[in-house]
N, C-alpha and C. Protein backbone atom coordinates (compact mmCIF):
# COMPACT_ATOMS: atom_id res chain seq x y z
N MET A 1 0.85 -1.19 -0.01
CA MET A 1 0.00 0.01 -0.02
C MET A 1 0.87 1.23 0.00
N MET A 2 0.54 2.23 -0.82
CA MET A 2 1.30 3.48 -0.93
C MET A 2 0.65 4.56 -0.11
N VAL A 3 1.46 5.34 0.57
CA VAL A 3 0.96 6.48 1.33
C VAL A 3 0.67 7.61 0.33
N LEU A 4 -0.41 8.34 0.58
CA LEU A 4 -0.82 9.43 -0.30
C LEU A 4 0.31 10.45 -0.39
N GLY A 5 0.67 10.86 -1.59
CA GLY A 5 1.75 11.85 -1.77
C GLY A 5 3.07 11.21 -2.14
N GLU A 6 3.21 9.86 -1.94
CA GLU A 6 4.45 9.19 -2.32
C GLU A 6 4.42 8.91 -3.85
N GLU A 7 5.62 8.90 -4.40
CA GLU A 7 5.77 8.52 -5.83
C GLU A 7 6.32 7.12 -5.88
N SER A 8 5.73 6.34 -6.75
CA SER A 8 6.27 4.98 -6.90
C SER A 8 7.61 5.03 -7.62
N PRO A 9 8.49 4.04 -7.39
CA PRO A 9 9.79 4.02 -8.09
C PRO A 9 9.63 3.98 -9.59
N ASP A 10 8.57 3.29 -10.10
CA ASP A 10 8.38 3.20 -11.53
C ASP A 10 8.03 4.56 -12.12
N THR A 11 7.25 5.35 -11.39
CA THR A 11 6.87 6.66 -11.87
C THR A 11 8.08 7.59 -11.95
N GLY A 12 8.94 7.53 -10.94
CA GLY A 12 10.12 8.35 -10.94
C GLY A 12 11.07 7.94 -12.06
N GLU A 13 11.18 6.64 -12.31
CA GLU A 13 12.09 6.15 -13.39
C GLU A 13 11.56 6.57 -14.76
N ASN A 14 10.22 6.49 -14.93
CA ASN A 14 9.64 6.89 -16.22
C ASN A 14 9.86 8.38 -16.45
N THR A 15 9.65 9.15 -15.37
CA THR A 15 9.87 10.61 -15.50
C THR A 15 11.30 10.94 -15.89
N SER A 16 12.24 10.20 -15.25
CA SER A 16 13.66 10.43 -15.58
C SER A 16 13.97 10.08 -17.01
N GLN A 17 13.42 8.96 -17.50
CA GLN A 17 13.67 8.54 -18.88
C GLN A 17 13.05 9.54 -19.87
N GLN A 18 11.88 10.03 -19.53
CA GLN A 18 11.24 11.03 -20.43
C GLN A 18 12.06 12.28 -20.46
N GLY A 19 12.64 12.68 -19.30
CA GLY A 19 13.48 13.88 -19.29
C GLY A 19 14.73 13.69 -20.15
N ILE A 20 15.36 12.52 -20.07
CA ILE A 20 16.56 12.27 -20.87
C ILE A 20 16.20 12.26 -22.35
N ALA A 21 15.06 11.62 -22.69
CA ALA A 21 14.64 11.57 -24.10
C ALA A 21 14.35 12.97 -24.61
N ALA A 22 13.71 13.79 -23.78
CA ALA A 22 13.40 15.15 -24.24
C ALA A 22 14.68 15.98 -24.44
N ALA A 23 15.64 15.78 -23.53
CA ALA A 23 16.91 16.51 -23.66
C ALA A 23 17.66 16.08 -24.90
N ALA A 24 17.66 14.75 -25.19
CA ALA A 24 18.33 14.28 -26.38
C ALA A 24 17.67 14.78 -27.63
N LYS A 25 16.33 14.86 -27.60
CA LYS A 25 15.58 15.36 -28.76
C LYS A 25 15.91 16.82 -29.02
N GLU A 26 16.09 17.61 -27.93
CA GLU A 26 16.40 19.00 -28.10
C GLU A 26 17.80 19.23 -28.68
N GLU A 27 18.73 18.25 -28.40
CA GLU A 27 20.09 18.37 -28.93
C GLU A 27 20.16 18.04 -30.40
N LEU A 28 19.23 17.26 -30.90
CA LEU A 28 19.31 16.87 -32.32
C LEU A 28 19.01 18.06 -33.24
N PRO A 29 19.74 18.18 -34.33
CA PRO A 29 19.45 19.24 -35.31
C PRO A 29 18.10 19.00 -35.98
N SER A 30 17.63 19.99 -36.74
CA SER A 30 16.41 19.82 -37.48
C SER A 30 16.58 18.84 -38.64
N ASN A 31 15.45 18.46 -39.24
CA ASN A 31 15.50 17.50 -40.33
C ASN A 31 16.30 18.05 -41.50
N ASP A 32 16.14 19.36 -41.78
CA ASP A 32 16.93 19.96 -42.89
C ASP A 32 18.43 19.89 -42.59
N ALA A 33 18.81 20.18 -41.32
CA ALA A 33 20.22 20.13 -40.98
C ALA A 33 20.77 18.73 -41.05
N LEU A 34 19.97 17.75 -40.63
CA LEU A 34 20.40 16.33 -40.71
C LEU A 34 20.59 15.90 -42.16
N GLU A 35 19.65 16.35 -43.03
CA GLU A 35 19.77 15.98 -44.44
C GLU A 35 21.03 16.63 -45.09
N LEU A 36 21.30 17.87 -44.67
CA LEU A 36 22.50 18.53 -45.18
C LEU A 36 23.76 17.87 -44.70
N MET A 37 23.79 17.50 -43.42
CA MET A 37 24.93 16.76 -42.89
C MET A 37 25.16 15.43 -43.61
N GLU A 38 24.08 14.70 -43.85
CA GLU A 38 24.19 13.43 -44.59
C GLU A 38 24.72 13.63 -45.98
N SER A 39 24.27 14.69 -46.67
CA SER A 39 24.74 14.98 -48.01
C SER A 39 26.24 15.28 -48.02
N ILE A 40 26.69 16.06 -47.05
CA ILE A 40 28.12 16.42 -46.99
C ILE A 40 28.95 15.18 -46.69
N LEU A 41 28.50 14.34 -45.74
CA LEU A 41 29.27 13.15 -45.38
C LEU A 41 29.29 12.15 -46.50
N GLN A 42 28.20 11.98 -47.22
CA GLN A 42 28.17 11.04 -48.36
C GLN A 42 29.08 11.51 -49.47
N ARG A 43 29.21 12.81 -49.67
CA ARG A 43 30.04 13.32 -50.76
C ARG A 43 31.54 13.26 -50.43
N LEU A 44 31.91 13.65 -49.21
CA LEU A 44 33.32 13.72 -48.82
C LEU A 44 33.83 12.43 -48.18
N ARG A 45 32.92 11.61 -47.66
CA ARG A 45 33.23 10.25 -47.18
C ARG A 45 34.36 10.19 -46.17
N PRO A 46 34.25 10.88 -45.04
CA PRO A 46 35.27 10.71 -43.99
C PRO A 46 35.11 9.39 -43.25
N LYS A 47 36.18 8.82 -42.75
CA LYS A 47 36.12 7.54 -42.06
C LYS A 47 35.56 7.71 -40.65
N ASP A 48 35.98 8.76 -39.97
CA ASP A 48 35.55 9.00 -38.58
C ASP A 48 35.70 10.50 -38.29
N ARG A 49 35.41 10.85 -37.01
CA ARG A 49 35.45 12.26 -36.63
C ARG A 49 36.87 12.82 -36.69
N HIS A 50 37.87 11.97 -36.44
CA HIS A 50 39.25 12.43 -36.47
C HIS A 50 39.64 12.80 -37.92
N GLU A 51 39.18 12.02 -38.88
CA GLU A 51 39.51 12.34 -40.27
C GLU A 51 38.81 13.61 -40.72
N ILE A 52 37.63 13.90 -40.15
CA ILE A 52 36.96 15.15 -40.46
C ILE A 52 37.84 16.33 -40.08
N ARG A 53 38.46 16.27 -38.90
CA ARG A 53 39.38 17.33 -38.49
C ARG A 53 40.56 17.45 -39.42
N ASP A 54 41.14 16.33 -39.84
CA ASP A 54 42.26 16.39 -40.78
C ASP A 54 41.85 16.98 -42.13
N MET A 55 40.64 16.61 -42.58
CA MET A 55 40.13 17.12 -43.86
C MET A 55 39.93 18.63 -43.79
N ILE A 56 39.43 19.12 -42.66
CA ILE A 56 39.24 20.57 -42.46
C ILE A 56 40.61 21.27 -42.58
N THR A 57 41.58 20.74 -41.91
CA THR A 57 42.93 21.35 -41.90
C THR A 57 43.55 21.33 -43.30
N ASN A 58 43.49 20.18 -44.00
CA ASN A 58 44.12 20.08 -45.30
C ASN A 58 43.45 20.96 -46.34
N ARG A 59 42.13 20.98 -46.30
CA ARG A 59 41.40 21.78 -47.32
C ARG A 59 41.58 23.25 -47.04
N GLY A 60 41.58 23.65 -45.76
CA GLY A 60 41.84 25.06 -45.48
C GLY A 60 43.24 25.49 -45.87
N TRP A 61 44.20 24.65 -45.62
CA TRP A 61 45.59 24.94 -46.00
C TRP A 61 45.75 25.10 -47.51
N LEU A 62 45.21 24.11 -48.27
CA LEU A 62 45.31 24.17 -49.72
C LEU A 62 44.58 25.38 -50.29
N SER A 63 43.42 25.70 -49.69
CA SER A 63 42.70 26.90 -50.15
C SER A 63 43.50 28.16 -49.99
N GLY A 64 44.19 28.29 -48.83
CA GLY A 64 45.04 29.47 -48.63
C GLY A 64 46.24 29.49 -49.58
N VAL A 65 46.81 28.34 -49.87
CA VAL A 65 47.96 28.26 -50.83
C VAL A 65 47.50 28.74 -52.22
N LEU A 66 46.37 28.22 -52.67
CA LEU A 66 45.86 28.60 -54.00
C LEU A 66 45.50 30.08 -54.04
N LEU A 67 44.97 30.59 -52.98
CA LEU A 67 44.57 32.02 -52.96
C LEU A 67 45.82 32.91 -53.03
N MET A 68 46.86 32.56 -52.29
CA MET A 68 48.09 33.33 -52.35
C MET A 68 48.74 33.21 -53.71
N MET A 69 48.71 32.01 -54.31
CA MET A 69 49.26 31.83 -55.67
C MET A 69 48.51 32.67 -56.67
N SER A 70 47.21 32.78 -56.50
CA SER A 70 46.42 33.61 -57.42
C SER A 70 46.81 35.07 -57.31
N GLY A 71 46.97 35.54 -56.08
CA GLY A 71 47.39 36.95 -55.85
C GLY A 71 48.75 37.25 -56.42
N LEU A 72 49.71 36.33 -56.19
CA LEU A 72 51.06 36.56 -56.74
C LEU A 72 51.06 36.48 -58.26
N PHE A 73 50.28 35.54 -58.81
CA PHE A 73 50.22 35.42 -60.26
C PHE A 73 49.63 36.68 -60.87
N TRP A 74 48.59 37.22 -60.29
CA TRP A 74 48.00 38.45 -60.84
C TRP A 74 48.99 39.59 -60.75
N TRP A 75 49.70 39.71 -59.63
CA TRP A 75 50.65 40.81 -59.43
C TRP A 75 51.80 40.73 -60.44
N ILE A 76 52.27 39.50 -60.75
CA ILE A 76 53.39 39.35 -61.67
C ILE A 76 52.95 39.40 -63.12
N ALA A 77 51.89 38.59 -63.47
CA ALA A 77 51.50 38.44 -64.87
C ALA A 77 50.55 39.49 -65.38
N VAL A 78 49.91 40.26 -64.48
CA VAL A 78 48.98 41.29 -64.93
C VAL A 78 49.43 42.68 -64.49
N GLY A 79 49.76 42.82 -63.21
CA GLY A 79 50.15 44.12 -62.70
C GLY A 79 51.50 44.57 -63.19
N LYS A 80 52.56 43.86 -62.75
CA LYS A 80 53.93 44.23 -63.09
C LYS A 80 54.29 43.95 -64.53
N GLY A 81 53.63 42.95 -65.13
CA GLY A 81 54.00 42.54 -66.49
C GLY A 81 53.08 43.14 -67.55
N ALA A 82 52.39 44.22 -67.22
CA ALA A 82 51.45 44.82 -68.17
C ALA A 82 52.13 45.26 -69.46
N ASP A 83 53.26 45.96 -69.34
CA ASP A 83 53.94 46.47 -70.54
C ASP A 83 54.62 45.35 -71.29
N ALA A 84 55.31 44.45 -70.58
CA ALA A 84 56.05 43.39 -71.24
C ALA A 84 55.10 42.41 -71.96
N LEU A 85 53.92 42.23 -71.45
CA LEU A 85 52.98 41.26 -72.04
C LEU A 85 51.94 41.92 -72.93
N ASN A 86 52.12 43.21 -73.24
CA ASN A 86 51.25 43.92 -74.19
C ASN A 86 49.78 43.96 -73.79
N ASN A 87 49.55 44.18 -72.49
CA ASN A 87 48.15 44.28 -72.06
C ASN A 87 47.39 45.41 -72.72
N SER A 88 48.12 46.49 -73.00
CA SER A 88 47.44 47.67 -73.59
C SER A 88 46.95 47.41 -74.99
N GLU A 89 47.48 46.38 -75.67
CA GLU A 89 47.05 46.05 -77.03
C GLU A 89 45.72 45.29 -77.05
N MET A 90 45.32 44.76 -75.90
CA MET A 90 44.05 44.02 -75.86
C MET A 90 42.86 44.94 -76.10
N PRO A 91 41.98 44.59 -77.00
CA PRO A 91 40.77 45.42 -77.23
C PRO A 91 39.87 45.43 -75.98
N LEU A 92 39.06 46.46 -75.84
CA LEU A 92 38.10 46.53 -74.77
C LEU A 92 37.04 45.45 -74.96
N SER A 93 36.56 44.92 -73.87
CA SER A 93 35.57 43.88 -73.92
C SER A 93 34.26 44.43 -74.47
N LEU A 94 33.54 43.59 -75.22
CA LEU A 94 32.26 44.01 -75.77
C LEU A 94 31.18 44.11 -74.70
N LEU A 95 31.35 43.35 -73.62
CA LEU A 95 30.39 43.40 -72.50
C LEU A 95 30.98 44.27 -71.37
N GLY A 96 30.63 45.54 -71.39
CA GLY A 96 31.10 46.42 -70.35
C GLY A 96 32.26 47.30 -70.69
N GLU A 97 32.91 47.02 -71.85
CA GLU A 97 34.06 47.82 -72.28
C GLU A 97 35.16 47.86 -71.22
N PHE A 98 35.47 46.66 -70.69
CA PHE A 98 36.53 46.56 -69.68
C PHE A 98 37.89 46.33 -70.38
N ASP A 99 38.93 46.95 -69.84
CA ASP A 99 40.27 46.65 -70.37
C ASP A 99 40.74 45.34 -69.73
N PHE A 100 41.93 44.83 -70.19
CA PHE A 100 42.37 43.53 -69.77
C PHE A 100 42.67 43.51 -68.25
N SER A 101 43.26 44.56 -67.70
CA SER A 101 43.56 44.57 -66.27
C SER A 101 42.28 44.48 -65.46
N THR A 102 41.26 45.16 -65.89
CA THR A 102 39.97 45.07 -65.18
C THR A 102 39.36 43.67 -65.33
N LEU A 103 39.46 43.08 -66.51
CA LEU A 103 38.97 41.73 -66.71
C LEU A 103 39.67 40.73 -65.80
N ALA A 104 40.96 40.94 -65.58
CA ALA A 104 41.72 40.06 -64.73
C ALA A 104 41.28 40.17 -63.26
N LYS A 105 40.52 41.19 -62.95
CA LYS A 105 39.95 41.29 -61.57
C LYS A 105 38.50 40.77 -61.59
N ILE A 106 37.77 41.02 -62.67
CA ILE A 106 36.38 40.63 -62.74
C ILE A 106 36.22 39.10 -62.85
N VAL A 107 37.03 38.46 -63.67
CA VAL A 107 36.92 37.04 -63.94
C VAL A 107 37.07 36.24 -62.61
N PRO A 108 38.09 36.49 -61.77
CA PRO A 108 38.16 35.73 -60.50
C PRO A 108 36.96 35.96 -59.62
N VAL A 109 36.41 37.19 -59.58
CA VAL A 109 35.25 37.44 -58.76
C VAL A 109 34.06 36.66 -59.26
N ILE A 110 33.86 36.64 -60.59
CA ILE A 110 32.73 35.87 -61.16
C ILE A 110 32.89 34.36 -60.85
N VAL A 111 34.12 33.87 -61.01
CA VAL A 111 34.36 32.43 -60.75
C VAL A 111 34.12 32.12 -59.27
N PHE A 112 34.56 32.99 -58.39
CA PHE A 112 34.32 32.76 -56.95
C PHE A 112 32.83 32.70 -56.65
N LEU A 113 32.08 33.66 -57.16
CA LEU A 113 30.65 33.69 -56.94
C LEU A 113 29.96 32.47 -57.53
N ALA A 114 30.39 32.09 -58.74
CA ALA A 114 29.80 30.91 -59.36
C ALA A 114 30.06 29.64 -58.54
N THR A 115 31.27 29.51 -57.99
CA THR A 115 31.60 28.36 -57.16
C THR A 115 30.75 28.33 -55.90
N VAL A 116 30.61 29.47 -55.25
CA VAL A 116 29.85 29.55 -54.02
C VAL A 116 28.35 29.22 -54.29
N VAL A 117 27.80 29.85 -55.34
CA VAL A 117 26.37 29.64 -55.64
C VAL A 117 26.12 28.21 -56.08
N TRP A 118 26.98 27.66 -56.88
CA TRP A 118 26.86 26.26 -57.32
C TRP A 118 26.96 25.29 -56.16
N SER A 119 27.89 25.54 -55.23
CA SER A 119 28.07 24.67 -54.08
C SER A 119 26.83 24.71 -53.18
N VAL A 120 26.29 25.90 -52.95
CA VAL A 120 25.08 26.03 -52.13
C VAL A 120 23.92 25.32 -52.80
N GLY A 121 23.76 25.50 -54.11
CA GLY A 121 22.69 24.84 -54.82
C GLY A 121 22.79 23.34 -54.79
N ARG A 122 24.04 22.82 -54.86
CA ARG A 122 24.25 21.37 -54.83
C ARG A 122 23.91 20.79 -53.47
N GLU A 123 24.40 21.44 -52.39
CA GLU A 123 24.17 20.87 -51.06
C GLU A 123 22.72 21.01 -50.63
N ARG A 124 22.06 22.07 -51.01
CA ARG A 124 20.71 22.31 -50.58
C ARG A 124 19.68 21.74 -51.58
N GLY A 125 20.14 21.28 -52.72
CA GLY A 125 19.20 20.81 -53.76
C GLY A 125 18.32 21.90 -54.28
N HIS A 126 18.95 23.08 -54.52
CA HIS A 126 18.21 24.30 -54.86
C HIS A 126 18.44 24.58 -56.35
N ALA A 127 17.43 24.32 -57.17
CA ALA A 127 17.58 24.44 -58.62
C ALA A 127 17.88 25.89 -59.05
N PRO A 128 17.18 26.92 -58.55
CA PRO A 128 17.51 28.28 -59.01
C PRO A 128 18.94 28.70 -58.71
N MET A 129 19.49 28.27 -57.57
CA MET A 129 20.87 28.61 -57.25
C MET A 129 21.81 27.94 -58.24
N SER A 130 21.57 26.69 -58.56
CA SER A 130 22.42 26.01 -59.55
C SER A 130 22.31 26.67 -60.90
N ASN A 131 21.10 27.15 -61.26
CA ASN A 131 20.91 27.84 -62.53
C ASN A 131 21.72 29.09 -62.61
N ILE A 132 21.71 29.88 -61.50
CA ILE A 132 22.50 31.13 -61.44
C ILE A 132 24.00 30.78 -61.55
N GLY A 133 24.42 29.73 -60.89
CA GLY A 133 25.82 29.32 -61.00
C GLY A 133 26.23 29.00 -62.43
N GLY A 134 25.33 28.32 -63.18
CA GLY A 134 25.61 28.03 -64.57
C GLY A 134 25.75 29.28 -65.41
N LEU A 135 24.87 30.27 -65.15
CA LEU A 135 24.93 31.54 -65.90
C LEU A 135 26.25 32.24 -65.61
N LEU A 136 26.69 32.25 -64.38
CA LEU A 136 27.96 32.90 -64.06
C LEU A 136 29.14 32.19 -64.68
N VAL A 137 29.08 30.86 -64.78
CA VAL A 137 30.17 30.12 -65.40
C VAL A 137 30.28 30.49 -66.87
N VAL A 138 29.17 30.56 -67.56
CA VAL A 138 29.17 30.92 -68.98
C VAL A 138 29.74 32.33 -69.19
N LEU A 139 29.36 33.26 -68.27
CA LEU A 139 29.90 34.63 -68.38
C LEU A 139 31.40 34.63 -68.19
N ALA A 140 31.90 33.88 -67.23
CA ALA A 140 33.35 33.83 -66.99
C ALA A 140 34.05 33.23 -68.23
N ILE A 141 33.51 32.15 -68.79
CA ILE A 141 34.13 31.53 -69.96
C ILE A 141 34.15 32.52 -71.14
N TYR A 142 33.10 33.32 -71.28
CA TYR A 142 33.07 34.29 -72.37
C TYR A 142 34.20 35.29 -72.21
N TYR A 143 34.39 35.85 -71.02
CA TYR A 143 35.46 36.81 -70.77
C TYR A 143 36.85 36.20 -70.99
N ILE A 144 36.99 34.90 -70.60
CA ILE A 144 38.27 34.22 -70.77
C ILE A 144 38.63 34.05 -72.25
N LEU A 145 37.65 33.69 -73.05
CA LEU A 145 37.89 33.39 -74.46
C LEU A 145 37.80 34.63 -75.35
N GLU A 146 37.31 35.72 -74.81
CA GLU A 146 37.11 36.90 -75.65
C GLU A 146 38.40 37.43 -76.28
N PRO A 147 39.53 37.56 -75.57
CA PRO A 147 40.75 38.01 -76.25
C PRO A 147 41.12 37.11 -77.42
N LEU A 148 41.01 35.77 -77.27
CA LEU A 148 41.34 34.89 -78.34
C LEU A 148 40.37 35.04 -79.49
N GLY A 149 39.14 35.33 -79.17
CA GLY A 149 38.12 35.54 -80.21
C GLY A 149 38.43 36.77 -81.03
N PHE A 150 38.89 37.83 -80.36
CA PHE A 150 39.30 39.02 -81.10
C PHE A 150 40.42 38.73 -82.08
N ALA A 151 41.39 37.90 -81.67
CA ALA A 151 42.51 37.56 -82.55
C ALA A 151 42.08 36.74 -83.74
N LEU A 152 41.14 35.82 -83.50
CA LEU A 152 40.70 34.93 -84.60
C LEU A 152 39.74 35.62 -85.55
N LEU A 153 38.95 36.55 -85.08
CA LEU A 153 37.90 37.14 -85.92
C LEU A 153 38.23 38.53 -86.41
N THR A 154 39.18 39.19 -85.80
CA THR A 154 39.57 40.53 -86.24
C THR A 154 41.07 40.64 -86.31
N ASP A 155 41.57 41.82 -86.73
CA ASP A 155 43.01 42.03 -86.75
C ASP A 155 43.42 43.09 -85.72
N GLN A 156 42.64 43.20 -84.63
CA GLN A 156 42.94 44.21 -83.60
C GLN A 156 44.08 43.80 -82.71
N VAL A 157 44.36 42.51 -82.62
CA VAL A 157 45.43 42.01 -81.75
C VAL A 157 45.99 40.75 -82.38
N ASP A 158 47.31 40.53 -82.17
CA ASP A 158 47.92 39.33 -82.75
C ASP A 158 47.57 38.10 -81.92
N ILE A 159 47.69 36.95 -82.53
CA ILE A 159 47.23 35.70 -81.94
C ILE A 159 48.04 35.33 -80.69
N GLN A 160 49.35 35.61 -80.69
CA GLN A 160 50.17 35.25 -79.54
C GLN A 160 49.79 36.03 -78.31
N THR A 161 49.64 37.34 -78.47
CA THR A 161 49.25 38.21 -77.35
C THR A 161 47.88 37.81 -76.78
N ALA A 162 46.94 37.57 -77.71
CA ALA A 162 45.59 37.19 -77.25
C ALA A 162 45.56 35.84 -76.58
N LEU A 163 46.30 34.86 -77.14
CA LEU A 163 46.35 33.54 -76.55
C LEU A 163 46.92 33.60 -75.13
N PHE A 164 48.00 34.33 -74.96
CA PHE A 164 48.63 34.41 -73.63
C PHE A 164 47.69 35.12 -72.68
N GLY A 165 46.94 36.12 -73.19
CA GLY A 165 45.96 36.79 -72.32
C GLY A 165 44.87 35.85 -71.86
N SER A 166 44.34 35.04 -72.75
CA SER A 166 43.29 34.09 -72.38
C SER A 166 43.82 33.04 -71.41
N LEU A 167 45.07 32.59 -71.63
CA LEU A 167 45.64 31.61 -70.73
C LEU A 167 45.87 32.18 -69.33
N ARG A 168 46.20 33.46 -69.22
CA ARG A 168 46.36 34.08 -67.91
C ARG A 168 45.03 34.15 -67.16
N LEU A 169 43.98 34.53 -67.89
CA LEU A 169 42.63 34.59 -67.30
C LEU A 169 42.19 33.18 -66.89
N LEU A 170 42.50 32.18 -67.70
CA LEU A 170 42.10 30.82 -67.37
C LEU A 170 42.84 30.32 -66.12
N ALA A 171 44.12 30.65 -66.01
CA ALA A 171 44.87 30.22 -64.85
C ALA A 171 44.32 30.87 -63.56
N LEU A 172 43.99 32.13 -63.62
CA LEU A 172 43.38 32.80 -62.47
C LEU A 172 42.05 32.14 -62.12
N ALA A 173 41.23 31.85 -63.11
CA ALA A 173 39.92 31.26 -62.89
C ALA A 173 40.05 29.87 -62.23
N VAL A 174 40.97 29.08 -62.70
CA VAL A 174 41.15 27.72 -62.17
C VAL A 174 41.61 27.77 -60.72
N MET A 175 42.57 28.60 -60.42
CA MET A 175 43.10 28.68 -59.03
C MET A 175 42.01 29.21 -58.09
N ILE A 176 41.26 30.23 -58.50
CA ILE A 176 40.24 30.78 -57.64
C ILE A 176 39.11 29.76 -57.42
N HIS A 177 38.78 29.02 -58.49
CA HIS A 177 37.69 28.02 -58.37
C HIS A 177 38.06 26.97 -57.32
N TYR A 178 39.28 26.40 -57.42
CA TYR A 178 39.63 25.33 -56.50
C TYR A 178 39.85 25.89 -55.09
N SER A 179 40.37 27.13 -54.99
CA SER A 179 40.53 27.75 -53.69
C SER A 179 39.17 27.91 -53.02
N ALA A 180 38.19 28.41 -53.74
CA ALA A 180 36.85 28.59 -53.17
C ALA A 180 36.21 27.25 -52.82
N LYS A 181 36.36 26.26 -53.72
CA LYS A 181 35.77 24.97 -53.51
C LYS A 181 36.33 24.30 -52.24
N LEU A 182 37.64 24.34 -52.06
CA LEU A 182 38.27 23.73 -50.90
C LEU A 182 37.88 24.49 -49.62
N PHE A 183 37.76 25.84 -49.71
CA PHE A 183 37.36 26.60 -48.54
C PHE A 183 35.91 26.26 -48.13
N ILE A 184 35.05 26.13 -49.11
CA ILE A 184 33.64 25.81 -48.82
C ILE A 184 33.54 24.43 -48.18
N ASP A 185 34.27 23.47 -48.76
CA ASP A 185 34.28 22.12 -48.17
C ASP A 185 34.79 22.12 -46.73
N ALA A 186 35.85 22.90 -46.49
CA ALA A 186 36.38 23.01 -45.09
C ALA A 186 35.39 23.61 -44.17
N TRP A 187 34.70 24.65 -44.62
CA TRP A 187 33.71 25.33 -43.80
C TRP A 187 32.52 24.41 -43.51
N LEU A 188 32.05 23.64 -44.52
CA LEU A 188 30.95 22.71 -44.34
C LEU A 188 31.34 21.60 -43.38
N LEU A 189 32.57 21.06 -43.51
CA LEU A 189 33.01 20.03 -42.59
C LEU A 189 33.13 20.54 -41.15
N GLN A 190 33.59 21.77 -41.02
CA GLN A 190 33.66 22.35 -39.69
C GLN A 190 32.27 22.48 -39.05
N TRP A 191 31.30 22.89 -39.88
CA TRP A 191 29.93 22.94 -39.38
C TRP A 191 29.40 21.58 -38.98
N VAL A 192 29.70 20.54 -39.77
CA VAL A 192 29.31 19.18 -39.45
C VAL A 192 29.95 18.73 -38.15
N ARG A 193 31.22 19.02 -37.98
CA ARG A 193 31.94 18.61 -36.79
C ARG A 193 31.33 19.26 -35.54
N ILE A 194 31.01 20.54 -35.63
CA ILE A 194 30.39 21.26 -34.48
C ILE A 194 29.05 20.64 -34.15
N GLN A 195 28.26 20.29 -35.17
CA GLN A 195 26.98 19.70 -34.92
C GLN A 195 27.10 18.29 -34.26
N MET A 196 28.06 17.54 -34.74
CA MET A 196 28.24 16.18 -34.25
C MET A 196 28.77 16.14 -32.80
N ILE A 197 29.52 17.17 -32.40
CA ILE A 197 30.04 17.20 -31.03
C ILE A 197 28.91 17.20 -30.02
N HIS A 198 27.80 17.85 -30.34
CA HIS A 198 26.69 18.00 -29.41
C HIS A 198 25.60 16.96 -29.64
N MET A 199 25.86 15.97 -30.52
CA MET A 199 24.83 14.96 -30.81
C MET A 199 25.14 13.69 -30.03
N PRO A 200 24.08 13.03 -29.54
CA PRO A 200 24.30 11.78 -28.78
C PRO A 200 24.58 10.56 -29.63
N VAL A 201 24.49 10.69 -30.94
CA VAL A 201 24.75 9.54 -31.84
C VAL A 201 25.76 9.95 -32.89
N ASP A 202 26.38 8.95 -33.47
CA ASP A 202 27.37 9.16 -34.54
C ASP A 202 26.69 8.93 -35.89
N LEU A 203 26.72 9.94 -36.75
CA LEU A 203 26.04 9.84 -38.04
C LEU A 203 26.94 9.38 -39.15
N ILE A 204 28.22 9.19 -38.91
CA ILE A 204 29.15 8.82 -39.98
C ILE A 204 28.93 7.37 -40.36
N PRO A 205 28.49 7.11 -41.60
CA PRO A 205 28.28 5.69 -42.03
C PRO A 205 29.61 5.03 -42.27
N ASN A 206 29.60 3.69 -42.18
CA ASN A 206 30.82 2.94 -42.44
C ASN A 206 30.87 2.64 -43.93
N PHE A 207 31.54 3.54 -44.68
CA PHE A 207 31.58 3.39 -46.13
C PHE A 207 32.33 2.12 -46.55
N HIS A 208 33.41 1.78 -45.83
CA HIS A 208 34.21 0.64 -46.21
C HIS A 208 33.41 -0.66 -46.01
N GLU A 209 32.64 -0.68 -44.91
CA GLU A 209 31.84 -1.87 -44.67
C GLU A 209 30.75 -2.04 -45.72
N SER A 210 30.15 -0.88 -46.12
CA SER A 210 29.12 -0.91 -47.16
C SER A 210 29.71 -1.39 -48.49
N SER A 211 30.93 -0.92 -48.78
CA SER A 211 31.60 -1.30 -50.02
C SER A 211 31.89 -2.80 -50.03
N ASP A 212 32.38 -3.33 -48.87
CA ASP A 212 32.67 -4.74 -48.79
C ASP A 212 31.42 -5.58 -48.97
N MET A 213 30.31 -5.12 -48.34
CA MET A 213 29.05 -5.87 -48.48
C MET A 213 28.59 -5.84 -49.91
N GLY A 214 28.78 -4.70 -50.60
CA GLY A 214 28.35 -4.61 -51.99
C GLY A 214 29.15 -5.54 -52.86
N GLN A 215 30.46 -5.66 -52.60
CA GLN A 215 31.29 -6.57 -53.37
C GLN A 215 30.90 -8.03 -53.11
N ALA A 216 30.54 -8.32 -51.85
CA ALA A 216 30.15 -9.69 -51.53
C ALA A 216 28.85 -10.07 -52.23
N ASP A 217 27.93 -9.08 -52.29
CA ASP A 217 26.67 -9.33 -52.98
C ASP A 217 26.89 -9.56 -54.46
N GLU A 218 27.84 -8.78 -55.04
CA GLU A 218 28.08 -8.94 -56.49
C GLU A 218 28.71 -10.29 -56.78
N GLY A 219 29.57 -10.79 -55.86
CA GLY A 219 30.22 -12.06 -56.08
C GLY A 219 29.24 -13.23 -56.07
N GLY A 220 28.27 -13.14 -55.15
CA GLY A 220 27.26 -14.21 -55.10
C GLY A 220 27.84 -15.45 -54.38
N PRO A 221 27.01 -16.41 -54.08
CA PRO A 221 27.49 -17.62 -53.45
C PRO A 221 28.31 -18.47 -54.39
N SER A 222 29.34 -19.08 -53.84
CA SER A 222 30.19 -19.94 -54.69
C SER A 222 29.60 -21.32 -54.78
N ALA A 223 29.79 -21.96 -55.89
CA ALA A 223 29.19 -23.27 -56.09
C ALA A 223 29.97 -24.33 -55.32
């Protein structure tokens, strides 16, 4: 027989379990955040949380290296080498009437924006963002090939000067693209790591185990 006002041990235990479950539920991210985390982990495929930290470090380091290389390349091949490389002979762009030095600043900016917008559209599954990224890529390619087009279609600039100009713009675009891509991956992995620190469960799938199981299934039973 229970005295009025007493709590049974079962009631106290149930209340405690409900409190723990509620606290764990509050720590879990939203469904959108979980889907984004799963997309990032499936694409980059880290083995465990320690490898996530290494991937953040390596991608951040490489992004900084490429960014500095881009700056030095622009300073040497565009800024200081303007006279030696005949930048003044380049015709003004048909879109905006930019000279070559200005194009060498605009193209990296367009490529950076295209990489960011495309990455966001890919991770979020956002079609309009991916569409904008495609438009920016086409615009960057146009500016890169425009000097070569002037040389092939007109006599305003010789082919060697135009070709070297397009190659310089292409080199800047490639370095900025990979620098931005690596930086975005590092930032996304850092966000995933912060989310996982406060989660009661480990969301990293065992990719190697899944791969081994897939190979075993493909092999089939031996006779």
